[in-house]
Structure formats: structure tokens, C-alpha cells
Amino acid sequence: MTLILIETTSLLIRPLALGVRLTANLTAGHLLIQLISTATITLLPILPTVSILTSLILLLLTILEIAVAIIQAYVFVLLLSLYLQENI
């Protein structure tokens, strides 16, 4: 009886932990983009050349974040289907 409860809890927690991990990864990227964009806007009146360089870095980071989001979505669907397939 105890083993059934442990296995059921394990099967329910796995997709939840997966969702938390994916949310943390995506939130970290968005936070980094927010910090760099704030720095770009702050530096614009003081050092315009540095601000332009920072905005180019921001553009590259945004492209990287889009790629990470696509990969994270693929991993989420793949692992979720594997977890669900285990139960059938």
C-alpha cells in the first residue's frame, strides 16, 4: 500500500517539477533581457556609443532567448509524452 502511494506521488510530481524547471529557465532569460534593456536606456544620454553596443548585445540575446524557448518547448513536450507513456 505504501509503495502505491509513493509511486503515485512520484508520477504526479514529475510533470510539476518539469514545469517549474522550464519556468525558471524562461524567467531567467527574460530577467536578463530586462536588465540589459534598462542599462541600454540608462546609458543612452550619457554614452551613446556604449548604448548602441549594448543594444546590439540585447538583439543577439533576444535571438538566443527565442531559440531557448523553442528548445524548452520541445523538451517539455518530449518529456511530458514520455511521462504519460510510462503510465499507459
PDB file of N, CA and C in Angstrom:
ATOM      1  N   MET A   1       0.826  -1.192   0.000  1.00  0.00           N
ATOM      2  CA  MET A   1       0.000   0.000   0.000  1.00  0.00           C
ATOM      3  C   MET A   1       0.873   1.259   0.000  1.00  0.00           C
ATOM      4  N   THR A   2       1.913   1.257   0.803  1.00  0.00           N
ATOM      5  CA  THR A   2       2.800   2.403   0.884  1.00  0.00           C
ATOM      6  C   THR A   2       3.532   2.622  -0.436  1.00  0.00           C
ATOM      7  N   LEU A   3       3.914   1.526  -1.084  1.00  0.00           N
ATOM      8  CA  LEU A   3       4.617   1.631  -2.362  1.00  0.00           C
ATOM      9  C   LEU A   3       3.725   2.250  -3.432  1.00  0.00           C
ATOM     10  N   ILE A   4       2.435   1.943  -3.391  1.00  0.00           N
ATOM     11  CA  ILE A   4       1.498   2.519  -4.356  1.00  0.00           C
ATOM     12  C   ILE A   4       1.400   4.031  -4.158  1.00  0.00           C
ATOM     13  N   LEU A   5       1.344   4.473  -2.908  1.00  0.00           N
ATOM     14  CA  LEU A   5       1.283   5.900  -2.626  1.00  0.00           C
ATOM     15  C   LEU A   5       2.556   6.623  -3.070  1.00  0.00           C
ATOM     16  N   ILE A   6       3.700   6.009  -2.836  1.00  0.00           N
ATOM     17  CA  ILE A   6       4.967   6.622  -3.229  1.00  0.00           C
ATOM     18  C   ILE A   6       5.065   6.730  -4.744  1.00  0.00           C
ATOM     19  N   GLU A   7       4.704   5.664  -5.451  1.00  0.00           N
ATOM     20  CA  GLU A   7       4.763   5.694  -6.925  1.00  0.00           C
ATOM     21  C   GLU A   7       3.768   6.694  -7.506  1.00  0.00           C
ATOM     22  N   THR A   8       2.578   6.774  -6.945  1.00  0.00           N
ATOM     23  CA  THR A   8       1.580   7.727  -7.428  1.00  0.00           C
ATOM     24  C   THR A   8       2.053   9.152  -7.213  1.00  0.00           C
ATOM     25  N   THR A   9       2.622   9.424  -6.049  1.00  0.00           N
ATOM     26  CA  THR A   9       3.157  10.752  -5.767  1.00  0.00           C
ATOM     27  C   THR A   9       4.302  11.085  -6.716  1.00  0.00           C
ATOM     28  N   SER A  10       5.153  10.125  -6.988  1.00  0.00           N
ATOM     29  CA  SER A  10       6.272  10.336  -7.908  1.00  0.00           C
ATOM     30  C   SER A  10       5.774  10.649  -9.317  1.00  0.00           C
ATOM     31  N   LEU A  11       4.750   9.948  -9.766  1.00  0.00           N
ATOM     32  CA  LEU A  11       4.216  10.175 -11.108  1.00  0.00           C
ATOM     33  C   LEU A  11       3.528  11.524 -11.229  1.00  0.00           C
ATOM     34  N   LEU A  12       2.950  12.010 -10.138  1.00  0.00           N
ATOM     35  CA  LEU A  12       2.287  13.312 -10.176  1.00  0.00           C
ATOM     36  C   LEU A  12       3.279  14.477 -10.068  1.00  0.00           C
ATOM     37  N   ILE A  13       4.382  14.260  -9.363  1.00  0.00           N
ATOM     38  CA  ILE A  13       5.333  15.334  -9.133  1.00  0.00           C
ATOM     39  C   ILE A  13       6.261  15.547 -10.332  1.00  0.00           C
ATOM     40  N   ARG A  14       6.536  14.523 -11.107  1.00  0.00           N
ATOM     41  CA  ARG A  14       7.476  14.655 -12.225  1.00  0.00           C
ATOM     42  C   ARG A  14       7.066  15.742 -13.221  1.00  0.00           C
ATOM     43  N   PRO A  15       5.831  15.751 -13.744  1.00  0.00           N
ATOM     44  CA  PRO A  15       5.473  16.847 -14.662  1.00  0.00           C
ATOM     45  C   PRO A  15       5.460  18.215 -13.977  1.00  0.00           C
ATOM     46  N   LEU A  16       5.109  18.246 -12.709  1.00  0.00           N
ATOM     47  CA  LEU A  16       5.121  19.513 -11.977  1.00  0.00           C
ATOM     48  C   LEU A  16       6.543  20.052 -11.847  1.00  0.00           C
ATOM     49  N   ALA A  17       7.487  19.185 -11.516  1.00  0.00           N
ATOM     50  CA  ALA A  17       8.890  19.601 -11.419  1.00  0.00           C
ATOM     51  C   ALA A  17       9.415  20.039 -12.781  1.00  0.00           C
ATOM     52  N   LEU A  18       8.984  19.372 -13.828  1.00  0.00           N
ATOM     53  CA  LEU A  18       9.378  19.755 -15.181  1.00  0.00           C
ATOM     54  C   LEU A  18       8.878  21.157 -15.504  1.00  0.00           C
ATOM     55  N   GLY A  19       7.646  21.444 -15.171  1.00  0.00           N
ATOM     56  CA  GLY A  19       7.091  22.772 -15.410  1.00  0.00           C
ATOM     57  C   GLY A  19       7.802  23.855 -14.624  1.00  0.00           C
ATOM     58  N   VAL A  20       8.156  23.576 -13.379  1.00  0.00           N
ATOM     59  CA  VAL A  20       8.875  24.549 -12.557  1.00  0.00           C
ATOM     60  C   VAL A  20      10.261  24.817 -13.140  1.00  0.00           C
ATOM     61  N   ARG A  21      10.932  23.774 -13.598  1.00  0.00           N
ATOM     62  CA  ARG A  21      12.270  23.932 -14.180  1.00  0.00           C
ATOM     63  C   ARG A  21      12.218  24.764 -15.457  1.00  0.00           C
ATOM     64  N   LEU A  22      11.246  24.489 -16.313  1.00  0.00           N
ATOM     65  CA  LEU A  22      11.110  25.248 -17.548  1.00  0.00           C
ATOM     66  C   LEU A  22      10.746  26.706 -17.272  1.00  0.00           C
ATOM     67  N   THR A  23       9.887  26.936 -16.302  1.00  0.00           N
ATOM     68  CA  THR A  23       9.520  28.303 -15.939  1.00  0.00           C
ATOM     69  C   THR A  23      10.724  29.075 -15.420  1.00  0.00           C
ATOM     70  N   ALA A  24      11.544  28.438 -14.625  1.00  0.00           N
ATOM     71  CA  ALA A  24      12.738  29.104 -14.095  1.00  0.00           C
ATOM     72  C   ALA A  24      13.712  29.448 -15.221  1.00  0.00           C
ATOM     73  N   ASN A  25      13.891  28.545 -16.176  1.00  0.00           N
ATOM     74  CA  ASN A  25      14.799  28.820 -17.296  1.00  0.00           C
ATOM     75  C   ASN A  25      14.309  29.995 -18.134  1.00  0.00           C
ATOM     76  N   LEU A  26      13.030  30.036 -18.428  1.00  0.00           N
ATOM     77  CA  LEU A  26      12.495  31.116 -19.250  1.00  0.00           C
ATOM     78  C   LEU A  26      12.481  32.445 -18.487  1.00  0.00           C
ATOM     79  N   THR A  27      12.199  32.398 -17.197  1.00  0.00           N
ATOM     80  CA  THR A  27      12.187  33.617 -16.396  1.00  0.00           C
ATOM     81  C   THR A  27      13.589  34.217 -16.290  1.00  0.00           C
ATOM     82  N   ALA A  28      14.596  33.381 -16.176  1.00  0.00           N
ATOM     83  CA  ALA A  28      15.973  33.883 -16.085  1.00  0.00           C
ATOM     84  C   ALA A  28      16.357  34.637 -17.359  1.00  0.00           C
ATOM     85  N   GLY A  29      15.977  34.121 -18.515  1.00  0.00           N
ATOM     86  CA  GLY A  29      16.283  34.807 -19.764  1.00  0.00           C
ATOM     87  C   GLY A  29      15.555  36.131 -19.882  1.00  0.00           C
ATOM     88  N   HIS A  30      14.299  36.154 -19.491  1.00  0.00           N
ATOM     89  CA  HIS A  30      13.536  37.400 -19.550  1.00  0.00           C
ATOM     90  C   HIS A  30      14.097  38.441 -18.580  1.00  0.00           C
ATOM     91  N   LEU A  31      14.524  37.987 -17.424  1.00  0.00           N
ATOM     92  CA  LEU A  31      15.108  38.899 -16.448  1.00  0.00           C
ATOM     93  C   LEU A  31      16.404  39.510 -16.973  1.00  0.00           C
ATOM     94  N   LEU A  32      17.234  38.697 -17.615  1.00  0.00           N
ATOM     95  CA  LEU A  32      18.476  39.200 -18.186  1.00  0.00           C
ATOM     96  C   LEU A  32      18.210  40.213 -19.294  1.00  0.00           C
ATOM     97  N   ILE A  33      17.215  39.942 -20.141  1.00  0.00           N
ATOM     98  CA  ILE A  33      16.843  40.892 -21.190  1.00  0.00           C
ATOM     99  C   ILE A  33      16.353  42.201 -20.567  1.00  0.00           C
ATOM    100  N   GLN A  34      15.574  42.125 -19.528  1.00  0.00           N
ATOM    101  CA  GLN A  34      15.074  43.328 -18.849  1.00  0.00           C
ATOM    102  C   GLN A  34      16.215  44.156 -18.260  1.00  0.00           C
ATOM    103  N   LEU A  35      17.171  43.500 -17.635  1.00  0.00           N
ATOM    104  CA  LEU A  35      18.295  44.219 -17.038  1.00  0.00           C
ATOM    105  C   LEU A  35      19.149  44.903 -18.098  1.00  0.00           C
ATOM    106  N   ILE A  36      19.417  44.218 -19.201  1.00  0.00           N
ATOM    107  CA  ILE A  36      20.244  44.805 -20.251  1.00  0.00           C
ATOM    108  C   ILE A  36      19.504  45.939 -20.951  1.00  0.00           C
ATOM    109  N   SER A  37      18.209  45.791 -21.163  1.00  0.00           N
ATOM    110  CA  SER A  37      17.464  46.880 -21.811  1.00  0.00           C
ATOM    111  C   SER A  37      17.387  48.112 -20.914  1.00  0.00           C
ATOM    112  N   THR A  38      17.280  47.917 -19.615  1.00  0.00           N
ATOM    113  CA  THR A  38      17.304  49.050 -18.684  1.00  0.00           C
ATOM    114  C   THR A  38      18.663  49.743 -18.718  1.00  0.00           C
ATOM    115  N   ALA A  39      19.732  48.957 -18.788  1.00  0.00           N
ATOM    116  CA  ALA A  39      21.069  49.542 -18.883  1.00  0.00           C
ATOM    117  C   ALA A  39      21.236  50.311 -20.192  1.00  0.00           C
ATOM    118  N   THR A  40      20.679  49.798 -21.270  1.00  0.00           N
ATOM    119  CA  THR A  40      20.771  50.468 -22.570  1.00  0.00           C
ATOM    120  C   THR A  40      20.071  51.814 -22.530  1.00  0.00           C
ATOM    121  N   ILE A  41      18.876  51.853 -21.975  1.00  0.00           N
ATOM    122  CA  ILE A  41      18.124  53.108 -21.897  1.00  0.00           C
ATOM    123  C   ILE A  41      18.815  54.101 -20.965  1.00  0.00           C
ATOM    124  N   THR A  42      19.387  53.613 -19.881  1.00  0.00           N
ATOM    125  CA  THR A  42      20.069  54.485 -18.933  1.00  0.00           C
ATOM    126  C   THR A  42      21.350  55.072 -19.531  1.00  0.00           C
ATOM    127  N   LEU A  43      22.069  54.289 -20.333  1.00  0.00           N
ATOM    128  CA  LEU A  43      23.325  54.748 -20.904  1.00  0.00           C
ATOM    129  C   LEU A  43      23.147  55.635 -22.134  1.00  0.00           C
ATOM    130  N   LEU A  44      21.971  55.675 -22.714  1.00  0.00           N
ATOM    131  CA  LEU A  44      21.761  56.416 -23.956  1.00  0.00           C
ATOM    132  C   LEU A  44      22.135  57.900 -23.857  1.00  0.00           C
ATOM    133  N   PRO A  45      21.688  58.645 -22.841  1.00  0.00           N
ATOM    134  CA  PRO A  45      22.088  60.064 -22.794  1.00  0.00           C
ATOM    135  C   PRO A  45      23.554  60.271 -22.398  1.00  0.00           C
ATOM    136  N   ILE A  46      24.118  59.340 -21.644  1.00  0.00           N
ATOM    137  CA  ILE A  46      25.473  59.518 -21.118  1.00  0.00           C
ATOM    138  C   ILE A  46      26.531  59.073 -22.130  1.00  0.00           C
ATOM    139  N   LEU A  47      26.418  57.818 -22.570  1.00  0.00           N
ATOM    140  CA  LEU A  47      27.379  57.232 -23.511  1.00  0.00           C
ATOM    141  C   LEU A  47      26.621  56.595 -24.674  1.00  0.00           C
ATOM    142  N   PRO A  48      26.323  57.333 -25.722  1.00  0.00           N
ATOM    143  CA  PRO A  48      25.516  56.775 -26.808  1.00  0.00           C
ATOM    144  C   PRO A  48      26.185  55.615 -27.547  1.00  0.00           C
ATOM    145  N   THR A  49      27.499  55.644 -27.686  1.00  0.00           N
ATOM    146  CA  THR A  49      28.166  54.540 -28.399  1.00  0.00           C
ATOM    147  C   THR A  49      28.088  53.241 -27.602  1.00  0.00           C
ATOM    148  N   VAL A  50      28.265  53.337 -26.311  1.00  0.00           N
ATOM    149  CA  VAL A  50      28.143  52.150 -25.457  1.00  0.00           C
ATOM    150  C   VAL A  50      26.700  51.652 -25.461  1.00  0.00           C
ATOM    151  N   SER A  51      25.768  52.565 -25.504  1.00  0.00           N
ATOM    152  CA  SER A  51      24.358  52.201 -25.537  1.00  0.00           C
ATOM    153  C   SER A  51      24.019  51.449 -26.823  1.00  0.00           C
ATOM    154  N   ILE A  52      24.588  51.880 -27.944  1.00  0.00           N
ATOM    155  CA  ILE A  52      24.351  51.179 -29.217  1.00  0.00           C
ATOM    156  C   ILE A  52      24.962  49.784 -29.174  1.00  0.00           C
ATOM    157  N   LEU A  53      26.154  49.667 -28.621  1.00  0.00           N
ATOM    158  CA  LEU A  53      26.791  48.353 -28.477  1.00  0.00           C
ATOM    159  C   LEU A  53      25.962  47.443 -27.572  1.00  0.00           C
ATOM    160  N   THR A  54      25.459  48.006 -26.497  1.00  0.00           N
ATOM    161  CA  THR A  54      24.623  47.225 -25.577  1.00  0.00           C
ATOM    162  C   THR A  54      23.321  46.794 -26.248  1.00  0.00           C
ATOM    163  N   SER A  55      22.771  47.652 -27.097  1.00  0.00           N
ATOM    164  CA  SER A  55      21.536  47.267 -27.796  1.00  0.00           C
ATOM    165  C   SER A  55      21.791  46.159 -28.807  1.00  0.00           C
ATOM    166  N   LEU A  56      22.982  46.128 -29.419  1.00  0.00           N
ATOM    167  CA  LEU A  56      23.320  45.014 -30.303  1.00  0.00           C
ATOM    168  C   LEU A  56      23.435  43.705 -29.517  1.00  0.00           C
ATOM    169  N   ILE A  57      24.035  43.794 -28.341  1.00  0.00           N
ATOM    170  CA  ILE A  57      24.108  42.613 -27.472  1.00  0.00           C
ATOM    171  C   ILE A  57      22.700  42.175 -27.071  1.00  0.00           C
ATOM    172  N   LEU A  58      21.836  43.145 -26.829  1.00  0.00           N
ATOM    173  CA  LEU A  58      20.449  42.841 -26.482  1.00  0.00           C
ATOM    174  C   LEU A  58      19.733  42.137 -27.630  1.00  0.00           C
ATOM    175  N   LEU A  59      19.997  42.558 -28.852  1.00  0.00           N
ATOM    176  CA  LEU A  59      19.393  41.898 -30.017  1.00  0.00           C
ATOM    177  C   LEU A  59      19.855  40.452 -30.125  1.00  0.00           C
ATOM    178  N   LEU A  60      21.152  40.222 -29.953  1.00  0.00           N
ATOM    179  CA  LEU A  60      21.670  38.852 -30.001  1.00  0.00           C
ATOM    180  C   LEU A  60      21.095  38.000 -28.868  1.00  0.00           C
ATOM    181  N   LEU A  61      20.954  38.585 -27.705  1.00  0.00           N
ATOM    182  CA  LEU A  61      20.382  37.860 -26.570  1.00  0.00           C
ATOM    183  C   LEU A  61      18.911  37.521 -26.817  1.00  0.00           C
ATOM    184  N   THR A  62      18.197  38.412 -27.480  1.00  0.00           N
ATOM    185  CA  THR A  62      16.795  38.144 -27.800  1.00  0.00           C
ATOM    186  C   THR A  62      16.675  36.975 -28.778  1.00  0.00           C
ATOM    187  N   ILE A  63      17.556  36.934 -29.768  1.00  0.00           N
ATOM    188  CA  ILE A  63      17.561  35.807 -30.707  1.00  0.00           C
ATOM    189  C   ILE A  63      17.883  34.512 -29.967  1.00  0.00           C
ATOM    190  N   LEU A  64      18.853  34.575 -29.060  1.00  0.00           N
ATOM    191  CA  LEU A  64      19.193  33.397 -28.258  1.00  0.00           C
ATOM    192  C   LEU A  64      18.016  32.966 -27.392  1.00  0.00           C
ATOM    193  N   GLU A  65      17.307  33.925 -26.827  1.00  0.00           N
ATOM    194  CA  GLU A  65      16.155  33.610 -25.967  1.00  0.00           C
ATOM    195  C   GLU A  65      15.035  32.938 -26.771  1.00  0.00           C
ATOM    196  N   ILE A  66      14.833  33.357 -28.002  1.00  0.00           N
ATOM    197  CA  ILE A  66      13.828  32.715 -28.860  1.00  0.00           C
ATOM    198  C   ILE A  66      14.228  31.271 -29.138  1.00  0.00           C
ATOM    199  N   ALA A  67      15.512  31.052 -29.416  1.00  0.00           N
ATOM    200  CA  ALA A  67      15.988  29.686 -29.653  1.00  0.00           C
ATOM    201  C   ALA A  67      15.827  28.821 -28.398  1.00  0.00           C
ATOM    202  N   VAL A  68      16.130  29.390 -27.247  1.00  0.00           N
ATOM    203  CA  VAL A  68      15.981  28.648 -25.987  1.00  0.00           C
ATOM    204  C   VAL A  68      14.514  28.312 -25.733  1.00  0.00           C
ATOM    205  N   ALA A  69      13.616  29.239 -26.042  1.00  0.00           N
ATOM    206  CA  ALA A  69      12.189  28.986 -25.842  1.00  0.00           C
ATOM    207  C   ALA A  69      11.711  27.843 -26.732  1.00  0.00           C
ATOM    208  N   ILE A  70      12.189  27.793 -27.962  1.00  0.00           N
ATOM    209  CA  ILE A  70      11.805  26.706 -28.869  1.00  0.00           C
ATOM    210  C   ILE A  70      12.328  25.372 -28.351  1.00  0.00           C
ATOM    211  N   ILE A  71      13.578  25.360 -27.902  1.00  0.00           N
ATOM    212  CA  ILE A  71      14.160  24.125 -27.374  1.00  0.00           C
ATOM    213  C   ILE A  71      13.451  23.689 -26.098  1.00  0.00           C
ATOM    214  N   GLN A  72      13.137  24.640 -25.225  1.00  0.00           N
ATOM    215  CA  GLN A  72      12.446  24.303 -23.982  1.00  0.00           C
ATOM    216  C   GLN A  72      11.055  23.736 -24.257  1.00  0.00           C
ATOM    217  N   ALA A  73      10.361  24.296 -25.242  1.00  0.00           N
ATOM    218  CA  ALA A  73       9.039  23.773 -25.595  1.00  0.00           C
ATOM    219  C   ALA A  73       9.153  22.349 -26.120  1.00  0.00           C
ATOM    220  N   TYR A  74      10.159  22.090 -26.943  1.00  0.00           N
ATOM    221  CA  TYR A  74      10.377  20.742 -27.475  1.00  0.00           C
ATOM    222  C   TYR A  74      10.679  19.762 -26.341  1.00  0.00           C
ATOM    223  N   VAL A  75      11.554  20.151 -25.434  1.00  0.00           N
ATOM    224  CA  VAL A  75      11.905  19.273 -24.309  1.00  0.00           C
ATOM    225  C   VAL A  75      10.687  19.022 -23.425  1.00  0.00           C
ATOM    226  N   PHE A  76       9.891  20.058 -23.181  1.00  0.00           N
ATOM    227  CA  PHE A  76       8.699  19.894 -22.355  1.00  0.00           C
ATOM    228  C   PHE A  76       7.731  18.886 -22.964  1.00  0.00           C
ATOM    229  N   VAL A  77       7.462  19.026 -24.256  1.00  0.00           N
ATOM    230  CA  VAL A  77       6.520  18.111 -24.913  1.00  0.00           C
ATOM    231  C   VAL A  77       7.092  16.702 -24.947  1.00  0.00           C
ATOM    232  N   LEU A  78       8.388  16.567 -25.234  1.00  0.00           N
ATOM    233  CA  LEU A  78       9.003  15.249 -25.295  1.00  0.00           C
ATOM    234  C   LEU A  78       8.962  14.546 -23.941  1.00  0.00           C
ATOM    235  N   LEU A  79       9.379  15.243 -22.890  1.00  0.00           N
ATOM    236  CA  LEU A  79       9.398  14.613 -21.571  1.00  0.00           C
ATOM    237  C   LEU A  79       7.990  14.346 -21.048  1.00  0.00           C
ATOM    238  N   LEU A  80       7.071  15.258 -21.315  1.00  0.00           N
ATOM    239  CA  LEU A  80       5.700  15.032 -20.860  1.00  0.00           C
ATOM    240  C   LEU A  80       5.092  13.819 -21.552  1.00  0.00           C
ATOM    241  N   SER A  81       5.362  13.667 -22.846  1.00  0.00           N
ATOM    242  CA  SER A  81       4.836  12.486 -23.544  1.00  0.00           C
ATOM    243  C   SER A  81       5.494  11.211 -23.031  1.00  0.00           C
ATOM    244  N   LEU A  82       6.764  11.283 -22.678  1.00  0.00           N
ATOM    245  CA  LEU A  82       7.424  10.103 -22.110  1.00  0.00           C
ATOM    246  C   LEU A  82       6.845   9.758 -20.742  1.00  0.00           C
ATOM    247  N   TYR A  83       6.574  10.783 -19.933  1.00  0.00           N
ATOM    248  CA  TYR A  83       5.997  10.535 -18.602  1.00  0.00           C
ATOM    249  C   TYR A  83       4.600   9.940 -18.732  1.00  0.00           C
ATOM    250  N   LEU A  84       3.825  10.459 -19.670  1.00  0.00           N
ATOM    251  CA  LEU A  84       2.466   9.935 -19.842  1.00  0.00           C
ATOM    252  C   LEU A  84       2.487   8.542 -20.442  1.00  0.00           C
ATOM    253  N   GLN A  85       3.430   8.265 -21.328  1.00  0.00           N
ATOM    254  CA  GLN A  85       3.534   6.945 -21.947  1.00  0.00           C
ATOM    255  C   GLN A  85       3.907   5.891 -20.917  1.00  0.00           C
ATOM    256  N   GLU A  86       4.670   6.297 -19.896  1.00  0.00           N
ATOM    257  CA  GLU A  86       5.050   5.383 -18.832  1.00  0.00           C
ATOM    258  C   GLU A  86       3.830   4.874 -18.057  1.00  0.00           C
ATOM    259  N   ASN A  87       2.792   5.680 -17.990  1.00  0.00           N
ATOM    260  CA  ASN A  87       1.616   5.346 -17.184  1.00  0.00           C
ATOM    261  C   ASN A  87       0.597   4.515 -17.938  1.00  0.00           C
ATOM    262  N   ILE A  88       0.717   4.443 -19.229  1.00  0.00           N
ATOM    263  CA  ILE A  88      -0.301   3.719 -20.012  1.00  0.00           C
ATOM    264  C   ILE A  88       0.067   2.269 -20.169  1.00  0.00           C
TER     265      ILE A  88
END
